[in-house]
Amino acid sequence: MVLEHVWGLITHPKEEWKDIRDQRCSVTRCYCSHVLFLAAIPAVAGFIGTSQVGWSVAGDLPVKLEAGSALRISIAFYFAMLVTVFAIGKMVHWMGQTYGAEQTLPQCIALAAYTATPLFLVGVMMIYPIPWLDFLAGIIALSYTVYLLYLGLPIMMQVDQDKGFLFSSAVLAVGLVMLVGLMATSVILWSTGMGPAFMR
């Protein structure tokens, strides 16, 4: 079923992680039933918010992106999210041997995909880009994402709590490094003339 675990991860995450673990879904099913849909939320909302609504600083006139520019950025952002989920899952699989976790790659990708659920959902806030509100909502979503990671990793990878804490911390560090890498890539692309086109 499409998006069957979303509500459970919000209301009773520990039990939901056990259900996800026991399902043993494939990479294709994980993407087709969860990631492809949820990753579209911030991409579509970001396109609408930046091209149709715009944002203002200190009460100035709203600044918008040209529709073509916003569309290119939204598509690139969407595919970046898909690749990031797979890359983190692959990294979890690679690090698993260090912590005594012999789980399959699909199980590791499922961990990455479902952990990212709050970040995907909060993307709806981008439809009306108010910087301080989006930042606050993003901090809350990020905090819950970290909570899901620390709660779900020992369950999904079937390791004890001590190893799970260390493993989760390592995964979190990898995620932050990947975030910095994406930001650096954006800056490089911007400096080569591939940045957004603004209009007022």
Protein backbone atom coordinates (compact mmCIF):
# COMPACT_ATOMS: atom_id res chain seq x y z
CA MET A 1 0.00 0.00 0.00
CA VAL A 2 1.28 3.48 -0.89
CA LEU A 3 2.43 5.55 2.10
CA GLU A 4 1.14 2.92 4.55
CA HIS A 5 3.73 3.65 7.26
CA VAL A 6 3.59 7.45 7.36
CA TRP A 7 0.92 7.82 10.04
CA GLY A 8 2.41 5.06 12.15
CA LEU A 9 5.84 6.68 12.18
CA ILE A 10 4.22 9.81 13.62
CA THR A 11 1.85 8.23 16.15
CA HIS A 12 3.57 4.99 17.26
CA PRO A 13 7.03 4.87 15.70
CA LYS A 14 8.49 1.97 17.68
CA GLU A 15 5.75 -0.45 16.64
CA GLU A 16 5.82 0.89 13.09
CA TRP A 17 9.58 0.29 12.78
CA LYS A 18 8.97 -3.34 13.72
CA ASP A 19 6.30 -3.63 11.01
CA ILE A 20 8.65 -2.10 8.45
CA ARG A 21 11.44 -4.49 9.48
CA ASP A 22 9.19 -7.55 9.25
CA GLN A 23 7.89 -6.61 5.79
CA ARG A 24 11.34 -6.94 4.22
CA CYS A 25 10.37 -4.78 1.27
CA SER A 26 12.52 -4.57 -1.85
CA VAL A 27 14.26 -1.40 -3.01
CA THR A 28 11.74 -1.04 -5.83
CA ARG A 29 8.75 -1.38 -3.52
CA CYS A 30 10.26 1.01 -0.97
CA TYR A 31 10.75 3.66 -3.63
CA CYS A 32 7.46 3.08 -5.43
CA SER A 33 5.33 3.02 -2.28
CA HIS A 34 7.06 5.76 -0.30
CA VAL A 35 10.04 7.72 -1.58
CA LEU A 36 8.81 8.69 -5.06
CA PHE A 37 5.64 10.23 -3.61
CA LEU A 38 7.00 11.90 -0.49
CA ALA A 39 10.05 13.36 -2.24
CA ALA A 40 7.65 15.11 -4.63
CA ILE A 41 6.12 17.14 -1.77
CA PRO A 42 9.04 19.56 -1.22
CA ALA A 43 9.84 19.63 -4.94
CA VAL A 44 6.30 20.60 -6.01
CA ALA A 45 5.73 22.92 -3.04
CA GLY A 46 9.07 24.60 -3.68
CA PHE A 47 8.20 25.17 -7.33
CA ILE A 48 4.84 26.74 -6.46
CA GLY A 49 6.23 28.79 -3.60
CA THR A 50 9.21 30.24 -5.46
CA SER A 51 7.54 30.82 -8.83
CA GLN A 52 3.98 31.80 -7.87
CA VAL A 53 4.02 33.12 -4.31
CA GLY A 54 7.54 34.45 -3.78
CA TRP A 55 9.17 35.59 -0.58
CA SER A 56 9.94 38.96 0.89
CA VAL A 57 12.51 40.26 3.33
CA ALA A 58 11.67 43.14 5.68
CA GLY A 59 8.34 43.80 3.95
CA ASP A 60 9.78 44.41 0.49
CA LEU A 61 7.99 43.34 -2.67
CA PRO A 62 7.96 39.55 -3.11
CA VAL A 63 10.89 38.06 -4.99
CA LYS A 64 10.07 35.18 -7.31
CA LEU A 65 11.95 32.83 -9.58
CA GLU A 66 11.16 32.59 -13.26
CA ALA A 67 8.99 29.53 -13.87
CA GLY A 68 11.58 27.78 -16.03
CA SER A 69 14.32 28.37 -13.49
CA ALA A 70 12.12 27.19 -10.60
CA LEU A 71 11.17 24.07 -12.55
CA ARG A 72 14.78 23.13 -13.24
CA ILE A 73 15.73 23.59 -9.60
CA SER A 74 12.71 21.58 -8.39
CA ILE A 75 13.48 18.68 -10.72
CA ALA A 76 17.15 18.68 -9.70
CA PHE A 77 16.12 18.80 -6.03
CA TYR A 78 13.72 15.88 -6.49
CA PHE A 79 16.35 13.64 -8.07
CA ALA A 80 18.93 14.73 -5.48
CA MET A 81 16.59 13.48 -2.74
CA LEU A 82 16.11 10.14 -4.49
CA VAL A 83 19.85 9.66 -4.88
CA THR A 84 20.55 10.76 -1.30
CA VAL A 85 18.17 8.18 0.18
CA PHE A 86 19.87 5.42 -1.82
CA ALA A 87 23.36 6.69 -0.95
CA ILE A 88 22.64 6.81 2.78
CA GLY A 89 21.09 3.35 2.63
CA LYS A 90 24.17 2.07 0.84
CA MET A 91 26.39 3.68 3.46
CA VAL A 92 24.36 2.09 6.27
CA HIS A 93 24.78 -1.29 4.58
CA TRP A 94 28.53 -0.76 4.25
CA MET A 95 28.92 0.34 7.89
CA GLY A 96 26.74 -2.49 9.20
CA GLN A 97 29.58 -5.00 9.45
CA THR A 98 31.44 -2.70 11.83
CA TYR A 99 28.54 -2.85 14.27
CA GLY A 100 27.67 -6.51 13.80
CA ALA A 101 24.59 -5.86 11.67
CA GLU A 102 24.24 -8.21 8.71
CA GLN A 103 21.18 -6.72 7.07
CA THR A 104 20.42 -6.65 3.35
CA LEU A 105 20.77 -3.54 1.22
CA PRO A 106 16.96 -3.17 0.77
CA GLN A 107 16.55 -3.17 4.57
CA CYS A 108 19.17 -0.43 4.90
CA ILE A 109 17.56 1.67 2.16
CA ALA A 110 14.19 1.25 3.88
CA LEU A 111 15.77 2.61 7.07
CA ALA A 112 17.05 5.67 5.21
CA ALA A 113 13.77 6.19 3.36
CA TYR A 114 11.44 5.99 6.33
CA THR A 115 13.76 7.98 8.58
CA ALA A 116 13.52 10.88 6.11
CA THR A 117 9.70 10.95 6.29
CA PRO A 118 9.42 14.09 8.51
CA LEU A 119 11.79 16.02 6.23
CA PHE A 120 9.71 15.08 3.20
CA LEU A 121 6.44 16.05 4.90
CA VAL A 122 7.65 19.41 6.19
CA GLY A 123 8.48 20.29 2.58
CA VAL A 124 4.84 21.32 2.16
CA MET A 125 5.76 24.50 4.06
CA MET A 126 7.73 25.63 1.03
CA ILE A 127 4.49 26.39 -0.79
CA TYR A 128 4.36 29.65 1.18
CA PRO A 129 8.02 30.56 1.75
CA ILE A 130 8.18 32.56 4.97
CA PRO A 131 11.85 32.19 5.97
CA TRP A 132 11.48 32.20 9.77
CA LEU A 133 8.46 29.87 9.71
CA ASP A 134 10.08 27.44 7.29
CA PHE A 135 13.24 27.44 9.40
CA LEU A 136 11.28 26.70 12.59
CA ALA A 137 9.30 23.91 10.94
CA GLY A 138 12.50 22.51 9.45
CA ILE A 139 14.20 22.37 12.87
CA ILE A 140 11.23 20.49 14.34
CA ALA A 141 11.16 18.03 11.41
CA LEU A 142 14.92 17.51 11.60
CA SER A 143 14.70 16.82 15.34
CA TYR A 144 12.00 14.20 14.78
CA THR A 145 14.05 12.69 11.95
CA VAL A 146 17.01 12.26 14.31
CA TYR A 147 14.66 10.71 16.88
CA LEU A 148 13.36 8.24 14.27
CA LEU A 149 16.93 7.34 13.31
CA TYR A 150 18.03 6.61 16.88
CA LEU A 151 14.81 4.70 17.59
CA GLY A 152 14.58 2.79 14.33
CA LEU A 153 18.15 1.81 13.57
CA PRO A 154 18.53 -0.77 16.40
CA ILE A 155 15.17 -2.28 15.39
CA MET A 156 15.83 -2.38 11.66
CA MET A 157 19.46 -3.49 11.93
CA GLN A 158 18.79 -5.80 14.91
CA VAL A 159 21.62 -4.59 17.13
CA ASP A 160 21.57 -3.76 20.84
CA GLN A 161 20.96 -0.24 22.11
CA ASP A 162 24.63 0.60 22.77
CA LYS A 163 25.74 -0.39 19.28
CA GLY A 164 22.60 1.20 17.89
CA PHE A 165 23.48 4.54 19.48
CA LEU A 166 27.00 4.51 18.03
CA PHE A 167 25.75 3.30 14.65
CA SER A 168 23.03 5.98 14.53
CA SER A 169 25.58 8.67 15.43
CA ALA A 170 27.82 7.52 12.57
CA VAL A 171 24.89 7.58 10.13
CA LEU A 172 23.92 11.06 11.33
CA ALA A 173 27.49 12.27 10.73
CA VAL A 174 27.43 10.81 7.20
CA GLY A 175 24.11 12.55 6.54
CA LEU A 176 25.50 15.90 7.66
CA VAL A 177 28.57 15.46 5.47
CA MET A 178 26.34 14.68 2.49
CA LEU A 179 24.27 17.80 3.24
CA VAL A 180 27.39 19.96 3.25
CA GLY A 181 28.47 18.32 -0.01
CA LEU A 182 25.13 19.12 -1.65
CA MET A 183 25.37 22.72 -0.49
CA ALA A 184 28.90 23.02 -1.86
CA THR A 185 27.77 21.55 -5.18
CA SER A 186 24.95 24.10 -5.35
CA VAL A 187 27.39 26.95 -4.76
CA ILE A 188 29.72 25.65 -7.47
CA LEU A 189 26.86 25.30 -9.98
CA TRP A 190 25.60 28.77 -9.07
CA SER A 191 29.04 30.28 -9.68
CA THR A 192 29.24 28.67 -13.13
CA GLY A 193 26.12 30.46 -14.32
CA MET A 194 23.56 27.78 -13.50
CA GLY A 195 21.99 29.73 -10.66
CA PRO A 196 18.32 30.74 -10.43
CA ALA A 197 16.80 33.55 -12.48
CA PHE A 198 14.89 36.03 -10.31
CA MET A 199 12.02 38.36 -11.09
CA ARG A 200 9.93 40.82 -9.11
